[in-house]
Amino acid sequence: MNKGELGKTLVLIPARMASTRLPGKPLADICGLPMIVQVAMRAREANVGRIIVAVDDARVFEAVEAAGFEVVMTRADHQSGSDRIHEALTKADPDGVVETVINVQGDLPTIEPETIRAALRPLEDPSVDIATLTVEITDEEEKTNPNVVKVVGSPLSDTRLRALYFTRATAPHGQGPLYHHIGLYAYRRAALERFVALHPSPLEKRESLEQLRALEAGMRIDVEIVNSVPLGVDTPVDLEKARHILSRKAQ
């Protein structure tokens, strides 16, 4: 990616303090740094564009700023992460220079930089509005677990699907692979602006899956197939796993 393209791509990392299972999650210490700073470091290693952390708490703002990353304060009452990143985008880029936004969740401190880069690939097709990621399911328990969101898609190549539906059910039926959706998105700016202007859709509310709003509105989502699901830190057990992974990498 050349310098001009880097300037047109923005990595936005939303961080919310309101976590019931892991209070103060963005500031949780991982190898001497707050978790949110570790996520920003992974984004910097991906080298795909400007990085901004979107926060709703002054303590997180100060921690991110002290680590040398750009940070913007957003409202605390957003209903979704996409609303938060849209507010951050308008504050960080009021002149509309940015064309592509990558939304990296703030609880992925061990995500591989290549995984972040992979989210951009489907947008090489100009007809794609939103890009996201998936992994083929190999664990039988995951196939029936409603907490594991599945992508139902039409294959475009060995590494890409065109999304037809997202569901918590076991789908599609019959023989063949099932895919575990990874909630990391790359948006064309116009697509993000259209998306946040839409009202929650019937299937979105039924499945509790925000991305269905885009599909119901006729937007195109393509899905890149990657090799592993990044560790999302939601509990103290997850936090210990992340500490172990990053301490091993530091050795």
C-alpha atoms as a PDB file:
ATOM      1  CA  MET A   1       0.000   0.000   0.000  1.00  0.00           C
ATOM      2  CA  ASN A   2       1.498   3.345  -1.039  1.00  0.00           C
ATOM      3  CA  LYS A   3       1.536   6.539   1.022  1.00  0.00           C
ATOM      4  CA  GLY A   4      -1.460   8.011  -0.769  1.00  0.00           C
ATOM      5  CA  GLU A   5      -3.590   4.939  -0.101  1.00  0.00           C
ATOM      6  CA  LEU A   6      -2.471   4.903   3.541  1.00  0.00           C
ATOM      7  CA  GLY A   7      -3.780   8.444   3.898  1.00  0.00           C
ATOM      8  CA  LYS A   8      -7.194   7.407   2.606  1.00  0.00           C
ATOM      9  CA  THR A   9      -7.578   4.485   5.023  1.00  0.00           C
ATOM     10  CA  LEU A  10      -8.455   4.960   8.684  1.00  0.00           C
ATOM     11  CA  VAL A  11      -8.267   2.253  11.351  1.00  0.00           C
ATOM     12  CA  LEU A  12     -10.782   3.076  14.068  1.00  0.00           C
ATOM     13  CA  ILE A  13     -10.627   1.219  17.377  1.00  0.00           C
ATOM     14  CA  PRO A  14     -13.664   1.717  19.638  1.00  0.00           C
ATOM     15  CA  ALA A  15     -13.109   1.295  23.379  1.00  0.00           C
ATOM     16  CA  ARG A  16     -15.925   1.216  25.936  1.00  0.00           C
ATOM     17  CA  MET A  17     -15.429   1.174  29.691  1.00  0.00           C
ATOM     18  CA  ALA A  18     -18.866  -0.338  30.375  1.00  0.00           C
ATOM     19  CA  SER A  19     -18.011  -4.049  30.508  1.00  0.00           C
ATOM     20  CA  THR A  20     -19.885  -6.132  33.078  1.00  0.00           C
ATOM     21  CA  ARG A  21     -17.739  -9.259  32.791  1.00  0.00           C
ATOM     22  CA  LEU A  22     -14.411  -7.428  32.879  1.00  0.00           C
ATOM     23  CA  PRO A  23     -14.745  -3.972  34.479  1.00  0.00           C
ATOM     24  CA  GLY A  24     -12.349  -1.349  33.142  1.00  0.00           C
ATOM     25  CA  LYS A  25     -11.489  -3.641  30.238  1.00  0.00           C
ATOM     26  CA  PRO A  26      -9.675  -1.128  27.966  1.00  0.00           C
ATOM     27  CA  LEU A  27      -7.196  -0.336  30.762  1.00  0.00           C
ATOM     28  CA  ALA A  28      -6.537  -3.936  31.798  1.00  0.00           C
ATOM     29  CA  ASP A  29      -2.786  -4.472  32.010  1.00  0.00           C
ATOM     30  CA  ILE A  30      -1.238  -6.772  29.418  1.00  0.00           C
ATOM     31  CA  CYS A  31       2.547  -7.013  29.576  1.00  0.00           C
ATOM     32  CA  GLY A  32       2.845  -3.535  31.079  1.00  0.00           C
ATOM     33  CA  LEU A  33       0.460  -1.743  28.718  1.00  0.00           C
ATOM     34  CA  PRO A  34      -3.296  -1.126  28.732  1.00  0.00           C
ATOM     35  CA  MET A  35      -5.176  -3.560  26.508  1.00  0.00           C
ATOM     36  CA  ILE A  36      -6.413  -0.779  24.236  1.00  0.00           C
ATOM     37  CA  VAL A  37      -2.811   0.302  23.593  1.00  0.00           C
ATOM     38  CA  GLN A  38      -1.869  -3.285  22.700  1.00  0.00           C
ATOM     39  CA  VAL A  39      -4.691  -3.304  20.129  1.00  0.00           C
ATOM     40  CA  ALA A  40      -3.459  -0.011  18.670  1.00  0.00           C
ATOM     41  CA  MET A  41       0.029  -1.489  18.403  1.00  0.00           C
ATOM     42  CA  ARG A  42      -1.300  -4.447  16.400  1.00  0.00           C
ATOM     43  CA  ALA A  43      -3.049  -1.985  14.088  1.00  0.00           C
ATOM     44  CA  ARG A  44       0.179  -0.039  13.663  1.00  0.00           C
ATOM     45  CA  GLU A  45       1.999  -3.271  12.762  1.00  0.00           C
ATOM     46  CA  ALA A  46      -0.600  -3.890  10.045  1.00  0.00           C
ATOM     47  CA  ASN A  47       0.528  -0.636   8.359  1.00  0.00           C
ATOM     48  CA  VAL A  48      -2.715  -0.011   6.494  1.00  0.00           C
ATOM     49  CA  GLY A  49      -3.459   3.577   7.468  1.00  0.00           C
ATOM     50  CA  ARG A  50      -3.931   6.206  10.131  1.00  0.00           C
ATOM     51  CA  ILE A  51      -4.999   4.849  13.533  1.00  0.00           C
ATOM     52  CA  ILE A  52      -7.497   6.498  15.859  1.00  0.00           C
ATOM     53  CA  VAL A  53      -8.915   5.141  19.105  1.00  0.00           C
ATOM     54  CA  ALA A  54     -12.509   6.187  19.853  1.00  0.00           C
ATOM     55  CA  VAL A  55     -13.171   6.350  23.604  1.00  0.00           C
ATOM     56  CA  ASP A  56     -15.953   7.360  25.985  1.00  0.00           C
ATOM     57  CA  ASP A  57     -13.908   7.815  29.164  1.00  0.00           C
ATOM     58  CA  ALA A  58     -11.261  10.386  30.101  1.00  0.00           C
ATOM     59  CA  ARG A  59      -9.028   7.755  31.732  1.00  0.00           C
ATOM     60  CA  VAL A  60      -8.823   5.764  28.516  1.00  0.00           C
ATOM     61  CA  PHE A  61      -8.278   8.962  26.530  1.00  0.00           C
ATOM     62  CA  GLU A  62      -5.271   9.838  28.693  1.00  0.00           C
ATOM     63  CA  ALA A  63      -3.796   6.330  28.502  1.00  0.00           C
ATOM     64  CA  VAL A  64      -4.014   6.194  24.715  1.00  0.00           C
ATOM     65  CA  GLU A  65      -2.643   9.710  24.305  1.00  0.00           C
ATOM     66  CA  ALA A  66       0.248   8.931  26.664  1.00  0.00           C
ATOM     67  CA  ALA A  67       1.146   5.951  24.453  1.00  0.00           C
ATOM     68  CA  GLY A  68       1.438   8.251  21.431  1.00  0.00           C
ATOM     69  CA  PHE A  69      -1.701   7.270  19.534  1.00  0.00           C
ATOM     70  CA  GLU A  70      -4.419   9.542  18.201  1.00  0.00           C
ATOM     71  CA  VAL A  71      -7.608   9.451  20.238  1.00  0.00           C
ATOM     72  CA  VAL A  72     -11.024  11.097  20.042  1.00  0.00           C
ATOM     73  CA  MET A  73     -13.725  11.335  22.682  1.00  0.00           C
ATOM     74  CA  THR A  74     -17.141  10.062  21.627  1.00  0.00           C
ATOM     75  CA  ARG A  75     -20.533  10.012  23.258  1.00  0.00           C
ATOM     76  CA  ALA A  76     -21.187   7.327  25.857  1.00  0.00           C
ATOM     77  CA  ASP A  77     -24.749   6.613  24.743  1.00  0.00           C
ATOM     78  CA  HIS A  78     -24.166   5.075  21.300  1.00  0.00           C
ATOM     79  CA  GLN A  79     -26.304   2.025  20.602  1.00  0.00           C
ATOM     80  CA  SER A  80     -23.653   0.299  18.480  1.00  0.00           C
ATOM     81  CA  GLY A  81     -19.977   0.244  17.625  1.00  0.00           C
ATOM     82  CA  SER A  82     -20.704   1.432  14.098  1.00  0.00           C
ATOM     83  CA  ASP A  83     -22.379   4.568  15.469  1.00  0.00           C
ATOM     84  CA  ARG A  84     -19.306   5.229  17.624  1.00  0.00           C
ATOM     85  CA  ILE A  85     -16.843   4.850  14.762  1.00  0.00           C
ATOM     86  CA  HIS A  86     -18.986   7.069  12.538  1.00  0.00           C
ATOM     87  CA  GLU A  87     -18.867   9.843  15.136  1.00  0.00           C
ATOM     88  CA  ALA A  88     -15.111   9.352  15.452  1.00  0.00           C
ATOM     89  CA  LEU A  89     -14.707   9.481  11.667  1.00  0.00           C
ATOM     90  CA  THR A  90     -16.559  12.769  11.364  1.00  0.00           C
ATOM     91  CA  LYS A  91     -14.451  14.298  14.145  1.00  0.00           C
ATOM     92  CA  ALA A  92     -11.128  12.966  12.876  1.00  0.00           C
ATOM     93  CA  ASP A  93     -11.715  13.630   9.177  1.00  0.00           C
ATOM     94  CA  PRO A  94     -14.236  16.457   8.725  1.00  0.00           C
ATOM     95  CA  ASP A  95     -12.928  17.220   5.218  1.00  0.00           C
ATOM     96  CA  GLY A  96     -13.762  13.751   3.880  1.00  0.00           C
ATOM     97  CA  VAL A  97     -10.250  12.682   2.862  1.00  0.00           C
ATOM     98  CA  VAL A  98     -10.684   9.167   4.243  1.00  0.00           C
ATOM     99  CA  GLU A  99     -12.313   6.722   1.813  1.00  0.00           C
ATOM    100  CA  THR A 100     -12.060   3.448   3.758  1.00  0.00           C
ATOM    101  CA  VAL A 101     -12.616   2.719   7.450  1.00  0.00           C
ATOM    102  CA  ILE A 102     -11.471  -0.445   9.211  1.00  0.00           C
ATOM    103  CA  ASN A 103     -13.240  -1.126  12.503  1.00  0.00           C
ATOM    104  CA  VAL A 104     -10.973  -3.153  14.806  1.00  0.00           C
ATOM    105  CA  GLN A 105     -12.613  -4.015  18.119  1.00  0.00           C
ATOM    106  CA  GLY A 106     -10.771  -2.723  21.171  1.00  0.00           C
ATOM    107  CA  ASP A 107     -10.624  -6.132  22.876  1.00  0.00           C
ATOM    108  CA  LEU A 108      -8.400  -7.938  20.342  1.00  0.00           C
ATOM    109  CA  PRO A 109      -4.897  -7.384  21.788  1.00  0.00           C
ATOM    110  CA  THR A 110      -3.376 -10.460  20.143  1.00  0.00           C
ATOM    111  CA  ILE A 111      -4.842 -10.020  16.651  1.00  0.00           C
ATOM    112  CA  GLU A 112      -2.362 -10.736  13.881  1.00  0.00           C
ATOM    113  CA  PRO A 113      -1.563  -7.700  11.707  1.00  0.00           C
ATOM    114  CA  GLU A 114      -2.175  -9.861   8.625  1.00  0.00           C
ATOM    115  CA  THR A 115      -5.739 -10.471   9.808  1.00  0.00           C
ATOM    116  CA  ILE A 116      -6.354  -6.723   9.825  1.00  0.00           C
ATOM    117  CA  ARG A 117      -4.876  -6.408   6.335  1.00  0.00           C
ATOM    118  CA  ALA A 118      -7.062  -9.258   5.074  1.00  0.00           C
ATOM    119  CA  ALA A 119     -10.208  -7.256   5.795  1.00  0.00           C
ATOM    120  CA  LEU A 120      -9.314  -4.799   3.043  1.00  0.00           C
ATOM    121  CA  ARG A 121      -8.995  -7.331   0.240  1.00  0.00           C
ATOM    122  CA  PRO A 122     -12.688  -7.687  -0.698  1.00  0.00           C
ATOM    123  CA  LEU A 123     -12.885  -3.914  -1.236  1.00  0.00           C
ATOM    124  CA  GLU A 124     -10.595  -4.330  -4.244  1.00  0.00           C
ATOM    125  CA  ASP A 125     -13.897  -5.141  -6.002  1.00  0.00           C
ATOM    126  CA  PRO A 126     -15.642  -1.770  -6.457  1.00  0.00           C
ATOM    127  CA  SER A 127     -19.088  -3.361  -6.152  1.00  0.00           C
ATOM    128  CA  VAL A 128     -18.431  -4.389  -2.515  1.00  0.00           C
ATOM    129  CA  ASP A 129     -19.761  -2.007   0.159  1.00  0.00           C
ATOM    130  CA  ILE A 130     -18.518  -3.711   3.321  1.00  0.00           C
ATOM    131  CA  ALA A 131     -15.853  -6.357   3.922  1.00  0.00           C
ATOM    132  CA  THR A 132     -15.476  -8.685   6.873  1.00  0.00           C
ATOM    133  CA  LEU A 133     -13.746 -11.926   7.891  1.00  0.00           C
ATOM    134  CA  THR A 134     -14.534 -15.549   8.638  1.00  0.00           C
ATOM    135  CA  VAL A 135     -12.887 -18.844   9.612  1.00  0.00           C
ATOM    136  CA  GLU A 136     -14.028 -22.334   8.690  1.00  0.00           C
ATOM    137  CA  ILE A 137     -15.409 -24.094  11.765  1.00  0.00           C
ATOM    138  CA  THR A 138     -13.501 -27.217  12.820  1.00  0.00           C
ATOM    139  CA  ASP A 139     -14.890 -27.628  16.359  1.00  0.00           C
ATOM    140  CA  GLU A 140     -18.169 -29.580  16.298  1.00  0.00           C
ATOM    141  CA  GLU A 141     -19.489 -27.735  19.371  1.00  0.00           C
ATOM    142  CA  GLU A 142     -19.180 -24.410  17.579  1.00  0.00           C
ATOM    143  CA  LYS A 143     -21.502 -25.558  14.813  1.00  0.00           C
ATOM    144  CA  THR A 144     -24.501 -25.553  17.165  1.00  0.00           C
ATOM    145  CA  ASN A 145     -23.384 -22.787  19.561  1.00  0.00           C
ATOM    146  CA  PRO A 146     -25.623 -19.697  19.124  1.00  0.00           C
ATOM    147  CA  ASN A 147     -22.806 -17.486  20.406  1.00  0.00           C
ATOM    148  CA  VAL A 148     -20.784 -18.450  17.338  1.00  0.00           C
ATOM    149  CA  VAL A 149     -22.222 -16.390  14.483  1.00  0.00           C
ATOM    150  CA  LYS A 150     -22.222 -18.197  11.131  1.00  0.00           C
ATOM    151  CA  VAL A 151     -21.770 -16.685   7.689  1.00  0.00           C
ATOM    152  CA  VAL A 152     -23.933 -18.136   4.954  1.00  0.00           C
ATOM    153  CA  GLY A 153     -22.261 -17.154   1.717  1.00  0.00           C
ATOM    154  CA  SER A 154     -21.829 -17.940  -1.943  1.00  0.00           C
ATOM    155  CA  PRO A 155     -18.198 -18.881  -2.736  1.00  0.00           C
ATOM    156  CA  LEU A 156     -16.373 -16.430  -4.984  1.00  0.00           C
ATOM    157  CA  SER A 157     -12.951 -18.094  -4.679  1.00  0.00           C
ATOM    158  CA  ASP A 158     -11.047 -20.370  -2.319  1.00  0.00           C
ATOM    159  CA  THR A 159     -10.633 -17.444   0.108  1.00  0.00           C
ATOM    160  CA  ARG A 160     -13.769 -15.367  -0.335  1.00  0.00           C
ATOM    161  CA  LEU A 161     -17.544 -15.532   0.055  1.00  0.00           C
ATOM    162  CA  ARG A 162     -20.316 -13.161  -0.879  1.00  0.00           C
ATOM    163  CA  ALA A 163     -22.456 -12.919   2.247  1.00  0.00           C
ATOM    164  CA  LEU A 164     -26.088 -13.937   1.835  1.00  0.00           C
ATOM    165  CA  TYR A 165     -26.969 -14.119   5.525  1.00  0.00           C
ATOM    166  CA  PHE A 166     -25.524 -14.132   9.057  1.00  0.00           C
ATOM    167  CA  THR A 167     -27.136 -16.287  11.726  1.00  0.00           C
ATOM    168  CA  ARG A 168     -26.768 -17.785  15.194  1.00  0.00           C
ATOM    169  CA  ALA A 169     -28.379 -20.977  13.908  1.00  0.00           C
ATOM    170  CA  THR A 170     -26.511 -23.913  12.372  1.00  0.00           C
ATOM    171  CA  ALA A 171     -26.554 -22.980   8.695  1.00  0.00           C
ATOM    172  CA  PRO A 172     -26.522 -23.798   5.870  1.00  0.00           C
ATOM    173  CA  HIS A 173     -28.030 -27.258   6.180  1.00  0.00           C
ATOM    174  CA  GLY A 174     -26.394 -30.276   4.539  1.00  0.00           C
ATOM    175  CA  GLN A 175     -22.860 -31.354   3.780  1.00  0.00           C
ATOM    176  CA  GLY A 176     -20.134 -28.754   3.453  1.00  0.00           C
ATOM    177  CA  PRO A 177     -18.178 -26.247   5.499  1.00  0.00           C
ATOM    178  CA  LEU A 178     -19.638 -23.889   8.085  1.00  0.00           C
ATOM    179  CA  TYR A 179     -18.022 -20.507   8.742  1.00  0.00           C
ATOM    180  CA  HIS A 180     -17.500 -18.626  11.992  1.00  0.00           C
ATOM    181  CA  HIS A 181     -17.895 -14.878  11.479  1.00  0.00           C
ATOM    182  CA  ILE A 182     -15.215 -12.545  12.855  1.00  0.00           C
ATOM    183  CA  GLY A 183     -16.615  -9.135  13.748  1.00  0.00           C
ATOM    184  CA  LEU A 184     -13.950  -7.000  12.102  1.00  0.00           C
ATOM    185  CA  TYR A 185     -15.200  -4.793   9.270  1.00  0.00           C
ATOM    186  CA  ALA A 186     -13.840  -2.584   6.515  1.00  0.00           C
ATOM    187  CA  TYR A 187     -16.316  -0.031   5.146  1.00  0.00           C
ATOM    188  CA  ARG A 188     -16.309   2.289   2.220  1.00  0.00           C
ATOM    189  CA  ARG A 189     -16.998   5.667   3.780  1.00  0.00           C
ATOM    190  CA  ALA A 190     -20.237   6.078   1.840  1.00  0.00           C
ATOM    191  CA  ALA A 191     -21.372   2.633   2.979  1.00  0.00           C
ATOM    192  CA  LEU A 192     -20.729   3.440   6.642  1.00  0.00           C
ATOM    193  CA  GLU A 193     -22.602   6.726   6.326  1.00  0.00           C
ATOM    194  CA  ARG A 194     -25.553   4.966   4.689  1.00  0.00           C
ATOM    195  CA  PHE A 195     -25.511   2.170   7.238  1.00  0.00           C
ATOM    196  CA  VAL A 196     -25.675   4.380  10.343  1.00  0.00           C
ATOM    197  CA  ALA A 197     -28.529   6.371   8.780  1.00  0.00           C
ATOM    198  CA  LEU A 198     -30.672   3.220   8.511  1.00  0.00           C
ATOM    199  CA  HIS A 199     -33.075   2.107  11.215  1.00  0.00           C
ATOM    200  CA  PRO A 200     -32.495  -1.300  12.844  1.00  0.00           C
ATOM    201  CA  SER A 201     -34.007  -3.928  10.554  1.00  0.00           C
ATOM    202  CA  PRO A 202     -36.399  -6.800  11.380  1.00  0.00           C
ATOM    203  CA  LEU A 203     -33.842  -9.584  10.943  1.00  0.00           C
ATOM    204  CA  GLU A 204     -31.169  -7.559  12.748  1.00  0.00           C
ATOM    205  CA  LYS A 205     -33.450  -7.305  15.785  1.00  0.00           C
ATOM    206  CA  ARG A 206     -34.499 -10.950  15.572  1.00  0.00           C
ATOM    207  CA  GLU A 207     -30.947 -12.344  15.384  1.00  0.00           C
ATOM    208  CA  SER A 208     -29.284  -9.503  17.366  1.00  0.00           C
ATOM    209  CA  LEU A 209     -26.813  -9.112  14.485  1.00  0.00           C
ATOM    210  CA  GLU A 210     -26.218  -5.572  13.270  1.00  0.00           C
ATOM    211  CA  GLN A 211     -24.716  -6.603   9.922  1.00  0.00           C
ATOM    212  CA  LEU A 212     -28.102  -7.931   8.789  1.00  0.00           C
ATOM    213  CA  ARG A 213     -29.283  -4.316   8.564  1.00  0.00           C
ATOM    214  CA  ALA A 214     -26.866  -3.804   5.665  1.00  0.00           C
ATOM    215  CA  LEU A 215     -27.951  -6.963   3.849  1.00  0.00           C
ATOM    216  CA  GLU A 216     -31.638  -6.134   4.276  1.00  0.00           C
ATOM    217  CA  ALA A 217     -30.948  -2.716   2.756  1.00  0.00           C
ATOM    218  CA  GLY A 218     -29.380  -4.343  -0.314  1.00  0.00           C
ATOM    219  CA  MET A 219     -25.775  -3.566   0.551  1.00  0.00           C
ATOM    220  CA  ARG A 220     -23.090  -6.017  -0.521  1.00  0.00           C
ATOM    221  CA  ILE A 221     -20.858  -7.650   2.083  1.00  0.00           C
ATOM    222  CA  ASP A 222     -17.973  -9.863   0.960  1.00  0.00           C
ATOM    223  CA  VAL A 223     -16.125 -12.052   3.432  1.00  0.00           C
ATOM    224  CA  GLU A 224     -12.432 -12.975   3.394  1.00  0.00           C
ATOM    225  CA  ILE A 225     -11.601 -16.432   4.774  1.00  0.00           C
ATOM    226  CA  VAL A 226      -8.652 -16.369   7.201  1.00  0.00           C
ATOM    227  CA  ASN A 227      -6.923 -19.058   9.236  1.00  0.00           C
ATOM    228  CA  SER A 228      -7.822 -18.319  12.844  1.00  0.00           C
ATOM    229  CA  VAL A 229     -10.268 -16.459  15.064  1.00  0.00           C
ATOM    230  CA  PRO A 230      -8.537 -13.705  17.060  1.00  0.00           C
ATOM    231  CA  LEU A 231      -8.873 -13.911  20.830  1.00  0.00           C
ATOM    232  CA  GLY A 232     -11.544 -11.534  22.085  1.00  0.00           C
ATOM    233  CA  VAL A 233     -10.954 -10.583  25.722  1.00  0.00           C
ATOM    234  CA  ASP A 234     -14.292 -10.643  27.574  1.00  0.00           C
ATOM    235  CA  THR A 235     -13.458 -12.377  30.865  1.00  0.00           C
ATOM    236  CA  PRO A 236     -10.558 -12.654  33.367  1.00  0.00           C
ATOM    237  CA  VAL A 237      -9.713 -16.035  31.813  1.00  0.00           C
ATOM    238  CA  ASP A 238      -9.430 -14.440  28.351  1.00  0.00           C
ATOM    239  CA  LEU A 239      -7.229 -11.718  29.836  1.00  0.00           C
ATOM    240  CA  GLU A 240      -4.807 -14.297  31.226  1.00  0.00           C
ATOM    241  CA  LYS A 241      -4.681 -16.006  27.818  1.00  0.00           C
ATOM    242  CA  ALA A 242      -3.824 -12.702  26.139  1.00  0.00           C
ATOM    243  CA  ARG A 243      -1.089 -11.998  28.685  1.00  0.00           C
ATOM    244  CA  HIS A 244       0.396 -15.433  28.054  1.00  0.00           C
ATOM    245  CA  ILE A 245       0.331 -15.051  24.266  1.00  0.00           C
ATOM    246  CA  LEU A 246       1.950 -11.616  24.230  1.00  0.00           C
ATOM    247  CA  SER A 247       4.535 -12.460  26.883  1.00  0.00           C
ATOM    248  CA  ARG A 248       5.654 -15.436  24.768  1.00  0.00           C
ATOM    249  CA  LYS A 249       5.933 -13.206  21.683  1.00  0.00           C
ATOM    250  CA  ALA A 250       8.041 -10.731  23.639  1.00  0.00           C
ATOM    251  CA  GLN A 251      10.598 -13.383  24.555  1.00  0.00           C
END
